[in-house]
């Protein structure tokens, strides 16, 4: 076999190996809390974890979850004052959907930002999912 052919084969093997390694690297989810004047940070972290677990499925890659007290203030206020829930937390997700593996209810190759995960604290003091989507 000629040296040039060996070099090409070796290059292809190296490229395929690097692609395989890159694809299997876990994506770090960025987590932020902004303008929090109402909630305990550990409660927000709990809701963030639940939101990531809820939305994470085949075909969805979560890249960011955040809480912003200014951004969620209106929704939280409405849930507490108009609907009588004990408390409410709204966190926001950013994620991508796959091109081929499309989860039910989503479109393929889509970048979502500002996707809400809304939890309320019931009269027993337990956090539960209220709604998801765009508010």
Protein backbone atom coordinates (compact mmCIF):
# COMPACT_ATOMS: atom_id res chain seq x y z
CA UNK A 1 0.00 0.00 0.00
CA UNK A 2 1.33 3.39 -0.84
CA UNK A 3 2.26 5.84 1.90
CA UNK A 4 -0.32 8.35 0.64
CA UNK A 5 -3.14 5.78 0.92
CA UNK A 6 -2.02 4.82 4.43
CA UNK A 7 -2.04 8.49 5.39
CA UNK A 8 -5.55 8.99 4.06
CA UNK A 9 -6.86 5.89 5.88
CA UNK A 10 -5.18 7.00 9.12
CA UNK A 11 -6.65 10.50 8.75
CA UNK A 12 -10.17 9.10 8.24
CA UNK A 13 -9.82 6.86 11.31
CA UNK A 14 -8.61 9.78 13.44
CA UNK A 15 -11.47 12.03 12.24
CA UNK A 16 -14.09 9.36 12.94
CA UNK A 17 -12.60 8.77 16.39
CA UNK A 18 -12.67 12.48 17.22
CA UNK A 19 -16.27 12.84 16.03
CA UNK A 20 -17.31 9.85 18.16
CA UNK A 21 -15.59 11.30 21.23
CA UNK A 22 -17.14 14.74 20.64
CA UNK A 23 -20.68 13.39 20.16
CA UNK A 24 -20.57 11.46 23.42
CA UNK A 25 -19.36 14.37 25.55
CA UNK A 26 -22.05 15.49 27.98
CA UNK A 27 -23.27 19.01 27.44
CA UNK A 28 -22.97 21.17 30.50
CA UNK A 29 -26.22 22.91 31.31
CA UNK A 30 -25.75 26.54 32.28
CA UNK A 31 -27.73 27.42 35.43
CA UNK A 32 -28.33 30.99 36.56
CA UNK A 33 -30.40 32.78 39.18
CA UNK A 34 -31.06 36.50 38.64
CA UNK A 35 -32.98 39.12 40.62
CA UNK A 36 -34.10 36.72 43.32
CA UNK A 37 -35.66 38.57 46.21
CA UNK A 38 -38.49 36.14 47.08
CA UNK A 39 -37.33 32.53 47.10
CA UNK A 40 -34.71 30.39 48.77
CA UNK A 41 -31.99 29.52 46.27
CA UNK A 42 -32.25 25.82 47.14
CA UNK A 43 -35.96 25.86 46.21
CA UNK A 44 -35.14 27.47 42.87
CA UNK A 45 -32.37 24.89 42.29
CA UNK A 46 -34.88 22.11 43.06
CA UNK A 47 -37.34 23.47 40.48
CA UNK A 48 -34.51 23.91 37.96
CA UNK A 49 -33.49 20.27 38.42
CA UNK A 50 -37.10 19.13 38.00
CA UNK A 51 -37.45 21.25 34.83
CA UNK A 52 -34.31 19.79 33.26
CA UNK A 53 -35.39 16.25 34.15
CA UNK A 54 -38.91 16.89 32.79
CA UNK A 55 -37.80 18.24 29.41
CA UNK A 56 -34.74 16.01 28.92
CA UNK A 57 -35.64 13.16 26.61
CA UNK A 58 -34.37 11.63 23.41
CA UNK A 59 -34.19 14.34 20.80
CA UNK A 60 -33.94 17.27 23.23
CA UNK A 61 -30.68 18.81 24.43
CA UNK A 62 -31.05 21.30 27.28
CA UNK A 63 -28.35 23.98 27.25
CA UNK A 64 -29.57 26.46 29.86
CA UNK A 65 -32.04 26.84 32.72
CA UNK A 66 -32.47 30.06 34.64
CA UNK A 67 -34.63 31.93 37.10
CA UNK A 68 -35.16 35.66 36.78
CA UNK A 69 -37.30 37.28 39.47
CA UNK A 70 -38.11 40.26 37.26
CA UNK A 71 -39.04 38.09 34.29
CA UNK A 72 -41.26 35.73 36.32
CA UNK A 73 -42.73 38.31 38.70
CA UNK A 74 -46.02 38.83 36.83
CA UNK A 75 -46.78 35.11 36.44
CA UNK A 76 -45.84 34.33 40.04
CA UNK A 77 -47.92 37.24 41.34
CA UNK A 78 -50.96 36.13 39.32
CA UNK A 79 -50.73 32.53 40.52
CA UNK A 80 -50.44 33.60 44.16
CA UNK A 81 -52.89 36.51 44.27
CA UNK A 82 -55.46 35.59 41.62
CA UNK A 83 -55.50 31.81 42.02
CA UNK A 84 -54.61 31.52 45.70
CA UNK A 85 -51.57 29.27 45.49
CA UNK A 86 -49.21 29.48 48.46
CA UNK A 87 -46.20 30.26 46.24
CA UNK A 88 -45.00 29.95 42.63
CA UNK A 89 -41.68 29.67 40.82
CA UNK A 90 -41.19 30.07 37.08
CA UNK A 91 -37.91 28.88 35.55
CA UNK A 92 -36.95 29.25 31.91
CA UNK A 93 -35.35 26.62 29.69
CA UNK A 94 -33.28 26.86 26.56
CA UNK A 95 -32.92 23.72 24.46
CA UNK A 96 -32.55 22.26 20.99
CA UNK A 97 -34.57 19.53 19.36
CA UNK A 98 -32.98 16.95 17.12
CA UNK A 99 -33.21 16.89 13.36
CA UNK A 100 -34.31 13.27 12.98
CA UNK A 101 -35.34 12.18 16.48
CA UNK A 102 -38.24 14.57 17.12
CA UNK A 103 -40.10 14.29 20.45
CA UNK A 104 -43.89 14.37 20.32
CA UNK A 105 -45.23 17.91 20.54
CA UNK A 106 -42.07 19.53 19.17
CA UNK A 107 -40.73 20.36 15.75
CA UNK A 108 -37.37 19.14 14.52
CA UNK A 109 -34.18 21.13 14.47
CA UNK A 110 -35.66 23.84 16.69
CA UNK A 111 -34.01 26.15 19.21
CA UNK A 112 -36.33 27.00 22.12
CA UNK A 113 -35.61 29.89 24.43
CA UNK A 114 -37.81 31.20 27.23
CA UNK A 115 -39.72 27.91 27.54
CA UNK A 116 -41.42 28.12 30.93
CA UNK A 117 -41.59 25.46 33.61
CA UNK A 118 -44.08 26.72 36.20
CA UNK A 119 -44.38 25.17 39.66
CA UNK A 120 -46.77 26.08 42.44
CA UNK A 121 -46.63 25.29 46.13
CA UNK A 122 -49.93 23.74 47.20
CA UNK A 123 -51.67 24.21 50.56
CA UNK A 124 -49.68 21.28 51.97
CA UNK A 125 -46.43 23.11 51.16
CA UNK A 126 -45.46 20.71 48.35
CA UNK A 127 -44.08 21.99 45.04
CA UNK A 128 -45.91 20.60 42.02
CA UNK A 129 -45.89 21.19 38.30
CA UNK A 130 -48.50 23.71 37.16
CA UNK A 131 -47.71 24.17 33.46
CA UNK A 132 -45.03 24.18 30.78
CA UNK A 133 -44.62 26.06 27.51
CA UNK A 134 -44.67 29.66 26.48
CA UNK A 135 -46.65 31.89 28.81
